[in-house]
Amino acid sequence: MSGEQRTTSEFFRGVEQREIPIRQWRGYSPLFYYDASMTAVVFTADAAAVQALMPTPRHRPLRPLPGTALVAIHCFQYRASQLGAYCEVSLSAGISYTRDAWAHGALHLVRSVLSERYEAYVFQLPVDSEVAMAGGIDYLNVPKYMARMAFQERGGQLIVTVYGDERGGPELFTLAVPSLPARAHHSARARDVAPLRVMELASYPVKGGRTLRAELKVNLIDSATSWLPRGVALRLGEHGKARQLRALRLGHAVELIYAPRCEMILSMSEADGPPR
């Protein structure tokens, strides 16, 4: 692991950490990701099927149109982090948790897009690192499981294939997206004066009857966004876990975010309390 790695990035400066045990490993909270990439696609989905996934009444799926919800696939490659190098893929539903009960429609979605602050409920989280899986399960009760995954870039596309378990076996899904021309943002180095471009992704898992908050702050060093993107293809496989995705009746791709270079900070807290 690389917990002692030092960085000159302004993004991490002033963030206090504490050491935490993750079974036989050493972890940190908040957790730093020094060099990573993120590719995310948001799809339309059946609102009733997404509603059935929600663990509490406060987890309210976003409904930009009647009968329509939103499901996102986030593909992460962590090249350097305090847990080492690994990959994971998050499958989540866009929700409104902290807003008023009525605020789960198009207006809330527009507000999230403009502020780059999103709320979600993660319902599957395949990962290829045992320590990352253990930390997510033990501290946040997120649905992490070991899986094998492959990231390939060819012919102007990024192709991500996820298998249902660490031995390979049946495929969960393959996602192909165009490699968008990424624009450089603030590098977060000490000499730079331009503001950081930080996206905040908050998820709300439930553990022991308590709703927790996992917040991932993403400094988008290089990134590109496409609305109603062309060239996005999702193929569901034959693994049993793919049945859950089929039931959601995923439809059109609404948004594509391609960030080949970014930095991240993951923190956890009670949903209505301070970070810990």
C-alpha atoms as a PDB file:
ATOM      1  CA  MET A   1       0.000   0.000   0.000  1.00  0.00           C
ATOM      2  CA  SER A   2       0.983   3.601  -0.454  1.00  0.00           C
ATOM      3  CA  GLY A   3      -0.454   5.306   2.609  1.00  0.00           C
ATOM      4  CA  GLU A   4       2.664   7.375   3.168  1.00  0.00           C
ATOM      5  CA  GLN A   5       2.762   8.782  -0.350  1.00  0.00           C
ATOM      6  CA  ARG A   6       3.284  12.537  -0.327  1.00  0.00           C
ATOM      7  CA  THR A   7       1.739  14.979  -2.777  1.00  0.00           C
ATOM      8  CA  THR A   8       2.164  18.654  -3.583  1.00  0.00           C
ATOM      9  CA  SER A   9      -1.444  18.871  -4.778  1.00  0.00           C
ATOM     10  CA  GLU A  10      -3.486  21.727  -3.395  1.00  0.00           C
ATOM     11  CA  PHE A  11      -6.509  19.430  -3.553  1.00  0.00           C
ATOM     12  CA  PHE A  12      -5.337  17.368  -0.551  1.00  0.00           C
ATOM     13  CA  ARG A  13      -3.816  20.228   1.433  1.00  0.00           C
ATOM     14  CA  GLY A  14      -5.356  20.831   4.852  1.00  0.00           C
ATOM     15  CA  VAL A  15      -7.411  17.619   4.889  1.00  0.00           C
ATOM     16  CA  GLU A  16      -6.841  15.871   8.206  1.00  0.00           C
ATOM     17  CA  GLN A  17      -6.728  12.089   8.185  1.00  0.00           C
ATOM     18  CA  ARG A  18      -6.788   9.373  10.777  1.00  0.00           C
ATOM     19  CA  GLU A  19      -5.569   5.817  10.517  1.00  0.00           C
ATOM     20  CA  ILE A  20      -8.278   3.126  10.621  1.00  0.00           C
ATOM     21  CA  PRO A  21      -8.028  -0.688  10.648  1.00  0.00           C
ATOM     22  CA  ILE A  22      -9.417  -2.631   7.701  1.00  0.00           C
ATOM     23  CA  ARG A  23      -9.231  -6.192   9.000  1.00  0.00           C
ATOM     24  CA  GLN A  24      -5.531  -7.122   8.673  1.00  0.00           C
ATOM     25  CA  TRP A  25      -4.729  -4.013   6.628  1.00  0.00           C
ATOM     26  CA  ARG A  26      -4.160  -0.348   7.412  1.00  0.00           C
ATOM     27  CA  GLY A  27      -6.479   2.281   5.983  1.00  0.00           C
ATOM     28  CA  TYR A  28      -7.147   5.999   6.256  1.00  0.00           C
ATOM     29  CA  SER A  29     -10.161   8.252   6.619  1.00  0.00           C
ATOM     30  CA  PRO A  30     -10.642  10.288   4.538  1.00  0.00           C
ATOM     31  CA  LEU A  31      -8.963   8.196   1.854  1.00  0.00           C
ATOM     32  CA  PHE A  32      -6.767   9.799  -0.814  1.00  0.00           C
ATOM     33  CA  TYR A  33      -6.617   8.778  -4.477  1.00  0.00           C
ATOM     34  CA  TYR A  34      -3.586  10.508  -5.981  1.00  0.00           C
ATOM     35  CA  ASP A  35      -3.924   9.436  -9.632  1.00  0.00           C
ATOM     36  CA  ALA A  36      -7.144   8.055 -11.083  1.00  0.00           C
ATOM     37  CA  SER A  37      -9.474   8.037 -14.060  1.00  0.00           C
ATOM     38  CA  MET A  38     -13.261   8.019 -14.128  1.00  0.00           C
ATOM     39  CA  THR A  39     -15.723   7.249 -16.890  1.00  0.00           C
ATOM     40  CA  ALA A  40     -19.419   7.641 -16.098  1.00  0.00           C
ATOM     41  CA  VAL A  41     -22.580   7.106 -18.127  1.00  0.00           C
ATOM     42  CA  VAL A  42     -26.076   8.041 -16.926  1.00  0.00           C
ATOM     43  CA  PHE A  43     -28.978   6.058 -18.426  1.00  0.00           C
ATOM     44  CA  THR A  44     -32.723   6.429 -18.213  1.00  0.00           C
ATOM     45  CA  ALA A  45     -34.427   3.619 -16.291  1.00  0.00           C
ATOM     46  CA  ASP A  46     -37.847   2.430 -15.208  1.00  0.00           C
ATOM     47  CA  ALA A  47     -38.910   4.475 -12.188  1.00  0.00           C
ATOM     48  CA  ALA A  48     -40.922   1.717 -10.507  1.00  0.00           C
ATOM     49  CA  ALA A  49     -38.044  -0.765 -10.767  1.00  0.00           C
ATOM     50  CA  VAL A  50     -35.591   1.783  -9.356  1.00  0.00           C
ATOM     51  CA  GLN A  51     -37.995   2.662  -6.536  1.00  0.00           C
ATOM     52  CA  ALA A  52     -38.033  -1.009  -5.526  1.00  0.00           C
ATOM     53  CA  LEU A  53     -34.288  -0.802  -4.794  1.00  0.00           C
ATOM     54  CA  MET A  54     -34.608   2.029  -2.272  1.00  0.00           C
ATOM     55  CA  PRO A  55     -33.878   1.057   1.354  1.00  0.00           C
ATOM     56  CA  THR A  56     -35.774   3.910   3.099  1.00  0.00           C
ATOM     57  CA  PRO A  57     -38.512   6.445   2.243  1.00  0.00           C
ATOM     58  CA  ARG A  58     -35.904   9.238   2.302  1.00  0.00           C
ATOM     59  CA  HIS A  59     -34.078   7.611  -0.622  1.00  0.00           C
ATOM     60  CA  ARG A  60     -36.193   9.224  -3.346  1.00  0.00           C
ATOM     61  CA  PRO A  61     -35.225   8.386  -6.960  1.00  0.00           C
ATOM     62  CA  LEU A  62     -34.788  11.354  -9.269  1.00  0.00           C
ATOM     63  CA  ARG A  63     -37.609  11.457 -11.802  1.00  0.00           C
ATOM     64  CA  PRO A  64     -36.778  13.881 -14.608  1.00  0.00           C
ATOM     65  CA  LEU A  65     -39.898  12.660 -16.480  1.00  0.00           C
ATOM     66  CA  PRO A  66     -42.963  10.734 -15.346  1.00  0.00           C
ATOM     67  CA  GLY A  67     -42.150   7.035 -15.078  1.00  0.00           C
ATOM     68  CA  THR A  68     -38.434   7.667 -15.653  1.00  0.00           C
ATOM     69  CA  ALA A  69     -35.520   7.410 -13.229  1.00  0.00           C
ATOM     70  CA  LEU A  70     -31.752   7.628 -13.720  1.00  0.00           C
ATOM     71  CA  VAL A  71     -29.098   4.936 -13.269  1.00  0.00           C
ATOM     72  CA  ALA A  72     -25.366   5.631 -13.510  1.00  0.00           C
ATOM     73  CA  ILE A  73     -22.400   3.384 -14.227  1.00  0.00           C
ATOM     74  CA  HIS A  74     -19.116   4.833 -12.909  1.00  0.00           C
ATOM     75  CA  CYS A  75     -15.922   3.045 -13.961  1.00  0.00           C
ATOM     76  CA  PHE A  76     -12.889   3.895 -11.818  1.00  0.00           C
ATOM     77  CA  GLN A  77      -9.218   3.090 -12.343  1.00  0.00           C
ATOM     78  CA  TYR A  78      -7.133   4.015  -9.305  1.00  0.00           C
ATOM     79  CA  ARG A  79      -3.510   4.037 -10.415  1.00  0.00           C
ATOM     80  CA  ALA A  80      -2.188   5.360  -7.072  1.00  0.00           C
ATOM     81  CA  SER A  81      -4.112   5.460  -3.809  1.00  0.00           C
ATOM     82  CA  GLN A  82      -3.624   4.837  -0.104  1.00  0.00           C
ATOM     83  CA  LEU A  83      -4.992   1.331  -0.690  1.00  0.00           C
ATOM     84  CA  GLY A  84      -2.752   0.691  -3.680  1.00  0.00           C
ATOM     85  CA  ALA A  85      -3.766   0.371  -7.325  1.00  0.00           C
ATOM     86  CA  TYR A  86      -7.129  -1.186  -8.143  1.00  0.00           C
ATOM     87  CA  CYS A  87     -10.322  -0.827 -10.194  1.00  0.00           C
ATOM     88  CA  GLU A  88     -14.007  -0.746  -9.332  1.00  0.00           C
ATOM     89  CA  VAL A  89     -17.326  -0.078 -11.026  1.00  0.00           C
ATOM     90  CA  SER A  90     -20.246   1.583  -9.255  1.00  0.00           C
ATOM     91  CA  LEU A  91     -23.840   0.928 -10.287  1.00  0.00           C
ATOM     92  CA  SER A  92     -26.123   3.501  -8.692  1.00  0.00           C
ATOM     93  CA  ALA A  93     -29.469   5.237  -8.910  1.00  0.00           C
ATOM     94  CA  GLY A  94     -29.715   9.014  -8.831  1.00  0.00           C
ATOM     95  CA  ILE A  95     -31.675  10.122  -5.770  1.00  0.00           C
ATOM     96  CA  SER A  96     -32.675  13.106  -3.683  1.00  0.00           C
ATOM     97  CA  TYR A  97     -31.865  12.498  -0.013  1.00  0.00           C
ATOM     98  CA  THR A  98     -31.086  15.860   1.567  1.00  0.00           C
ATOM     99  CA  ARG A  99     -33.678  17.957  -0.287  1.00  0.00           C
ATOM    100  CA  ASP A 100     -37.338  18.430   0.599  1.00  0.00           C
ATOM    101  CA  ALA A 101     -39.636  15.509  -0.154  1.00  0.00           C
ATOM    102  CA  TRP A 102     -40.951  17.131  -3.323  1.00  0.00           C
ATOM    103  CA  ALA A 103     -37.498  17.951  -4.722  1.00  0.00           C
ATOM    104  CA  HIS A 104     -36.789  14.877  -6.818  1.00  0.00           C
ATOM    105  CA  GLY A 105     -37.835  16.012 -10.263  1.00  0.00           C
ATOM    106  CA  ALA A 106     -36.286  17.884 -13.155  1.00  0.00           C
ATOM    107  CA  LEU A 107     -35.539  20.993 -11.073  1.00  0.00           C
ATOM    108  CA  HIS A 108     -33.437  19.023  -8.605  1.00  0.00           C
ATOM    109  CA  LEU A 109     -31.590  17.389 -11.495  1.00  0.00           C
ATOM    110  CA  VAL A 110     -30.795  20.768 -13.065  1.00  0.00           C
ATOM    111  CA  ARG A 111     -29.574  22.062  -9.700  1.00  0.00           C
ATOM    112  CA  SER A 112     -27.292  19.015  -9.316  1.00  0.00           C
ATOM    113  CA  VAL A 113     -25.849  19.437 -12.804  1.00  0.00           C
ATOM    114  CA  LEU A 114     -25.150  23.147 -12.325  1.00  0.00           C
ATOM    115  CA  SER A 115     -23.508  22.645  -8.929  1.00  0.00           C
ATOM    116  CA  GLU A 116     -21.829  19.335  -9.882  1.00  0.00           C
ATOM    117  CA  ARG A 117     -23.137  17.824  -6.638  1.00  0.00           C
ATOM    118  CA  TYR A 118     -24.951  14.540  -7.034  1.00  0.00           C
ATOM    119  CA  GLU A 119     -26.693  12.130  -4.649  1.00  0.00           C
ATOM    120  CA  ALA A 120     -27.052   8.413  -5.293  1.00  0.00           C
ATOM    121  CA  TYR A 121     -27.848   5.007  -3.874  1.00  0.00           C
ATOM    122  CA  VAL A 122     -25.275   2.378  -4.887  1.00  0.00           C
ATOM    123  CA  PHE A 123     -26.815  -1.068  -5.473  1.00  0.00           C
ATOM    124  CA  GLN A 124     -23.795  -2.943  -6.897  1.00  0.00           C
ATOM    125  CA  LEU A 125     -20.080  -2.213  -6.538  1.00  0.00           C
ATOM    126  CA  PRO A 126     -17.781  -4.832  -8.091  1.00  0.00           C
ATOM    127  CA  VAL A 127     -14.088  -4.319  -7.216  1.00  0.00           C
ATOM    128  CA  ASP A 128     -10.822  -6.177  -7.803  1.00  0.00           C
ATOM    129  CA  SER A 129      -9.135  -5.336  -4.463  1.00  0.00           C
ATOM    130  CA  GLU A 130      -9.725  -7.348  -1.271  1.00  0.00           C
ATOM    131  CA  VAL A 131      -8.819  -4.472   1.051  1.00  0.00           C
ATOM    132  CA  ALA A 132     -11.103  -2.046  -0.808  1.00  0.00           C
ATOM    133  CA  MET A 133     -13.931  -4.568  -0.662  1.00  0.00           C
ATOM    134  CA  ALA A 134     -13.400  -5.167   3.066  1.00  0.00           C
ATOM    135  CA  GLY A 135     -13.289  -1.452   3.887  1.00  0.00           C
ATOM    136  CA  GLY A 136     -16.459  -0.698   1.971  1.00  0.00           C
ATOM    137  CA  ILE A 137     -18.389  -3.543   3.553  1.00  0.00           C
ATOM    138  CA  ASP A 138     -17.139  -3.120   7.126  1.00  0.00           C
ATOM    139  CA  TYR A 139     -17.475   0.659   7.414  1.00  0.00           C
ATOM    140  CA  LEU A 140     -20.297   1.506   5.013  1.00  0.00           C
ATOM    141  CA  ASN A 141     -22.126  -1.738   4.222  1.00  0.00           C
ATOM    142  CA  VAL A 142     -21.909  -0.948   0.509  1.00  0.00           C
ATOM    143  CA  PRO A 143     -22.634  -3.910  -1.807  1.00  0.00           C
ATOM    144  CA  LYS A 144     -19.035  -4.590  -2.829  1.00  0.00           C
ATOM    145  CA  TYR A 145     -17.989  -7.961  -4.206  1.00  0.00           C
ATOM    146  CA  MET A 146     -14.833  -9.275  -5.842  1.00  0.00           C
ATOM    147  CA  ALA A 147     -14.926  -9.315  -9.627  1.00  0.00           C
ATOM    148  CA  ARG A 148     -12.589  -9.402 -12.570  1.00  0.00           C
ATOM    149  CA  MET A 149     -12.703  -6.440 -14.926  1.00  0.00           C
ATOM    150  CA  ALA A 150     -10.863  -5.318 -18.035  1.00  0.00           C
ATOM    151  CA  PHE A 151     -10.321  -1.754 -19.284  1.00  0.00           C
ATOM    152  CA  GLN A 152      -9.267  -1.411 -22.922  1.00  0.00           C
ATOM    153  CA  GLU A 153      -8.783   1.560 -25.238  1.00  0.00           C
ATOM    154  CA  ARG A 154      -8.990   0.821 -28.923  1.00  0.00           C
ATOM    155  CA  GLY A 155     -10.368   2.475 -32.024  1.00  0.00           C
ATOM    156  CA  GLY A 156     -11.222   5.692 -30.192  1.00  0.00           C
ATOM    157  CA  GLN A 157     -13.263   3.827 -27.600  1.00  0.00           C
ATOM    158  CA  LEU A 158     -12.916   2.884 -23.940  1.00  0.00           C
ATOM    159  CA  ILE A 159     -14.305  -0.607 -23.394  1.00  0.00           C
ATOM    160  CA  VAL A 160     -14.972  -1.851 -19.861  1.00  0.00           C
ATOM    161  CA  THR A 161     -15.925  -5.477 -19.281  1.00  0.00           C
ATOM    162  CA  VAL A 162     -16.984  -6.666 -15.826  1.00  0.00           C
ATOM    163  CA  TYR A 163     -17.297 -10.329 -14.919  1.00  0.00           C
ATOM    164  CA  GLY A 164     -19.517 -11.518 -12.125  1.00  0.00           C
ATOM    165  CA  ASP A 165     -16.766 -12.870  -9.875  1.00  0.00           C
ATOM    166  CA  GLU A 166     -12.994 -12.720  -9.436  1.00  0.00           C
ATOM    167  CA  ARG A 167     -12.421 -15.959 -11.379  1.00  0.00           C
ATOM    168  CA  GLY A 168     -13.987 -14.494 -14.495  1.00  0.00           C
ATOM    169  CA  GLY A 169     -16.900 -16.680 -15.422  1.00  0.00           C
ATOM    170  CA  PRO A 170     -20.070 -15.236 -16.946  1.00  0.00           C
ATOM    171  CA  GLU A 171     -19.977 -11.625 -17.967  1.00  0.00           C
ATOM    172  CA  LEU A 172     -21.918  -9.024 -15.990  1.00  0.00           C
ATOM    173  CA  PHE A 173     -21.762  -6.378 -18.709  1.00  0.00           C
ATOM    174  CA  THR A 174     -19.581  -4.665 -21.308  1.00  0.00           C
ATOM    175  CA  LEU A 175     -19.749  -0.885 -21.640  1.00  0.00           C
ATOM    176  CA  ALA A 176     -18.229   0.865 -24.665  1.00  0.00           C
ATOM    177  CA  VAL A 177     -17.974   4.659 -24.832  1.00  0.00           C
ATOM    178  CA  PRO A 178     -16.175   7.088 -27.144  1.00  0.00           C
ATOM    179  CA  SER A 179     -12.913   8.492 -25.774  1.00  0.00           C
ATOM    180  CA  LEU A 180     -13.871  12.152 -25.769  1.00  0.00           C
ATOM    181  CA  PRO A 181     -11.171  14.802 -26.271  1.00  0.00           C
ATOM    182  CA  ALA A 182     -10.505  15.792 -22.666  1.00  0.00           C
ATOM    183  CA  ARG A 183      -9.884  19.407 -21.729  1.00  0.00           C
ATOM    184  CA  ALA A 184      -7.268  20.274 -19.121  1.00  0.00           C
ATOM    185  CA  HIS A 185      -8.551  21.994 -15.995  1.00  0.00           C
ATOM    186  CA  HIS A 186      -6.638  23.168 -12.961  1.00  0.00           C
ATOM    187  CA  SER A 187      -3.796  20.758 -12.159  1.00  0.00           C
ATOM    188  CA  ALA A 188      -4.097  21.405  -8.407  1.00  0.00           C
ATOM    189  CA  ARG A 189      -0.379  22.093  -8.059  1.00  0.00           C
ATOM    190  CA  ALA A 190       0.751  24.703  -5.590  1.00  0.00           C
ATOM    191  CA  ARG A 191       1.874  27.260  -8.182  1.00  0.00           C
ATOM    192  CA  ASP A 192      -1.398  27.293 -10.082  1.00  0.00           C
ATOM    193  CA  VAL A 193      -3.914  30.003  -9.298  1.00  0.00           C
ATOM    194  CA  ALA A 194      -6.962  28.865 -11.267  1.00  0.00           C
ATOM    195  CA  PRO A 195      -9.771  27.365  -9.154  1.00  0.00           C
ATOM    196  CA  LEU A 196     -10.173  23.621  -8.891  1.00  0.00           C
ATOM    197  CA  ARG A 197     -13.053  21.960 -10.715  1.00  0.00           C
ATOM    198  CA  VAL A 198     -14.422  19.562  -8.107  1.00  0.00           C
ATOM    199  CA  MET A 199     -17.376  17.240  -8.553  1.00  0.00           C
ATOM    200  CA  GLU A 200     -19.049  15.826  -5.436  1.00  0.00           C
ATOM    201  CA  LEU A 201     -20.686  12.396  -5.507  1.00  0.00           C
ATOM    202  CA  ALA A 202     -22.557  11.500  -2.300  1.00  0.00           C
ATOM    203  CA  SER A 203     -24.039   8.056  -1.726  1.00  0.00           C
ATOM    204  CA  TYR A 204     -26.275   6.949   1.154  1.00  0.00           C
ATOM    205  CA  PRO A 205     -25.817   3.330   2.263  1.00  0.00           C
ATOM    206  CA  VAL A 206     -27.728   1.883   5.218  1.00  0.00           C
ATOM    207  CA  LYS A 207     -25.919  -0.012   7.982  1.00  0.00           C
ATOM    208  CA  GLY A 208     -27.597  -1.363  11.095  1.00  0.00           C
ATOM    209  CA  GLY A 209     -30.677   0.768  10.524  1.00  0.00           C
ATOM    210  CA  ARG A 210     -28.619   3.983  10.203  1.00  0.00           C
ATOM    211  CA  THR A 211     -28.177   5.854   6.953  1.00  0.00           C
ATOM    212  CA  LEU A 212     -24.555   6.759   6.305  1.00  0.00           C
ATOM    213  CA  ARG A 213     -23.010   9.167   3.817  1.00  0.00           C
ATOM    214  CA  ALA A 214     -20.019   8.369   1.627  1.00  0.00           C
ATOM    215  CA  GLU A 215     -18.773  11.459  -0.178  1.00  0.00           C
ATOM    216  CA  LEU A 216     -16.364  11.232  -3.085  1.00  0.00           C
ATOM    217  CA  LYS A 217     -14.823  14.536  -4.117  1.00  0.00           C
ATOM    218  CA  VAL A 218     -13.324  14.373  -7.601  1.00  0.00           C
ATOM    219  CA  ASN A 219     -10.857  16.971  -8.835  1.00  0.00           C
ATOM    220  CA  LEU A 220     -11.306  16.809 -12.611  1.00  0.00           C
ATOM    221  CA  ILE A 221      -7.833  17.613 -13.917  1.00  0.00           C
ATOM    222  CA  ASP A 222      -8.614  16.481 -17.486  1.00  0.00           C
ATOM    223  CA  SER A 223     -12.217  15.800 -18.468  1.00  0.00           C
ATOM    224  CA  ALA A 224     -14.951  16.070 -21.067  1.00  0.00           C
ATOM    225  CA  THR A 225     -18.749  15.846 -20.854  1.00  0.00           C
ATOM    226  CA  SER A 226     -21.231  14.924 -23.560  1.00  0.00           C
ATOM    227  CA  TRP A 227     -25.017  15.211 -23.288  1.00  0.00           C
ATOM    228  CA  LEU A 228     -27.155  12.672 -25.165  1.00  0.00           C
ATOM    229  CA  PRO A 229     -23.889  11.072 -26.300  1.00  0.00           C
ATOM    230  CA  ARG A 230     -23.596   8.959 -29.406  1.00  0.00           C
ATOM    231  CA  GLY A 231     -21.531   5.819 -29.582  1.00  0.00           C
ATOM    232  CA  VAL A 232     -22.422   4.492 -26.109  1.00  0.00           C
ATOM    233  CA  ALA A 233     -23.186   0.764 -26.070  1.00  0.00           C
ATOM    234  CA  LEU A 234     -24.116  -1.375 -23.056  1.00  0.00           C
ATOM    235  CA  ARG A 235     -24.317  -5.153 -23.414  1.00  0.00           C
ATOM    236  CA  LEU A 236     -25.622  -7.116 -20.446  1.00  0.00           C
ATOM    237  CA  GLY A 237     -24.144 -10.548 -19.822  1.00  0.00           C
ATOM    238  CA  GLU A 238     -25.435 -13.860 -18.526  1.00  0.00           C
ATOM    239  CA  HIS A 239     -24.267 -13.638 -14.908  1.00  0.00           C
ATOM    240  CA  GLY A 240     -27.025 -13.786 -12.312  1.00  0.00           C
ATOM    241  CA  LYS A 241     -26.251 -10.253 -11.093  1.00  0.00           C
ATOM    242  CA  ALA A 242     -27.093  -8.943 -14.572  1.00  0.00           C
ATOM    243  CA  ARG A 243     -30.751  -9.796 -13.919  1.00  0.00           C
ATOM    244  CA  GLN A 244     -30.982  -6.801 -11.599  1.00  0.00           C
ATOM    245  CA  LEU A 245     -29.787  -4.517 -14.395  1.00  0.00           C
ATOM    246  CA  ARG A 246     -32.212  -6.043 -16.895  1.00  0.00           C
ATOM    247  CA  ALA A 247     -35.095  -5.431 -14.498  1.00  0.00           C
ATOM    248  CA  LEU A 248     -34.264  -1.697 -14.477  1.00  0.00           C
ATOM    249  CA  ARG A 249     -34.923  -1.499 -18.235  1.00  0.00           C
ATOM    250  CA  LEU A 250     -32.030   0.832 -18.956  1.00  0.00           C
ATOM    251  CA  GLY A 251     -32.725   3.075 -21.917  1.00  0.00           C
ATOM    252  CA  HIS A 252     -31.010   6.061 -23.520  1.00  0.00           C
ATOM    253  CA  ALA A 253     -27.637   7.395 -22.436  1.00  0.00           C
ATOM    254  CA  VAL A 254     -28.261  10.886 -21.066  1.00  0.00           C
ATOM    255  CA  GLU A 255     -24.760  11.966 -20.053  1.00  0.00           C
ATOM    256  CA  LEU A 256     -21.189  10.777 -20.537  1.00  0.00           C
ATOM    257  CA  ILE A 257     -18.289  12.018 -18.398  1.00  0.00           C
ATOM    258  CA  TYR A 258     -14.793  11.032 -19.470  1.00  0.00           C
ATOM    259  CA  ALA A 259     -12.052  12.032 -17.018  1.00  0.00           C
ATOM    260  CA  PRO A 260      -8.749  10.303 -17.835  1.00  0.00           C
ATOM    261  CA  ARG A 261      -6.872  12.164 -15.086  1.00  0.00           C
ATOM    262  CA  CYS A 262      -8.256  13.152 -11.711  1.00  0.00           C
ATOM    263  CA  GLU A 263      -7.661  13.141  -7.958  1.00  0.00           C
ATOM    264  CA  MET A 264     -10.183  12.001  -5.346  1.00  0.00           C
ATOM    265  CA  ILE A 265     -10.949  12.134  -1.631  1.00  0.00           C
ATOM    266  CA  LEU A 266     -13.394   9.646  -0.086  1.00  0.00           C
ATOM    267  CA  SER A 267     -14.906  10.498   3.312  1.00  0.00           C
ATOM    268  CA  MET A 268     -17.624   8.880   5.391  1.00  0.00           C
ATOM    269  CA  SER A 269     -20.081  10.159   7.958  1.00  0.00           C
ATOM    270  CA  GLU A 270     -23.535   9.767   9.395  1.00  0.00           C
ATOM    271  CA  ALA A 271     -26.036  11.023   6.824  1.00  0.00           C
ATOM    272  CA  ASP A 272     -26.980  13.948   9.070  1.00  0.00           C
ATOM    273  CA  GLY A 273     -23.712  14.320  10.998  1.00  0.00           C
ATOM    274  CA  PRO A 274     -20.131  15.567  10.553  1.00  0.00           C
ATOM    275  CA  PRO A 275     -17.459  13.585   8.626  1.00  0.00           C
ATOM    276  CA  ARG A 276     -15.511  10.994  10.570  1.00  0.00           C
END
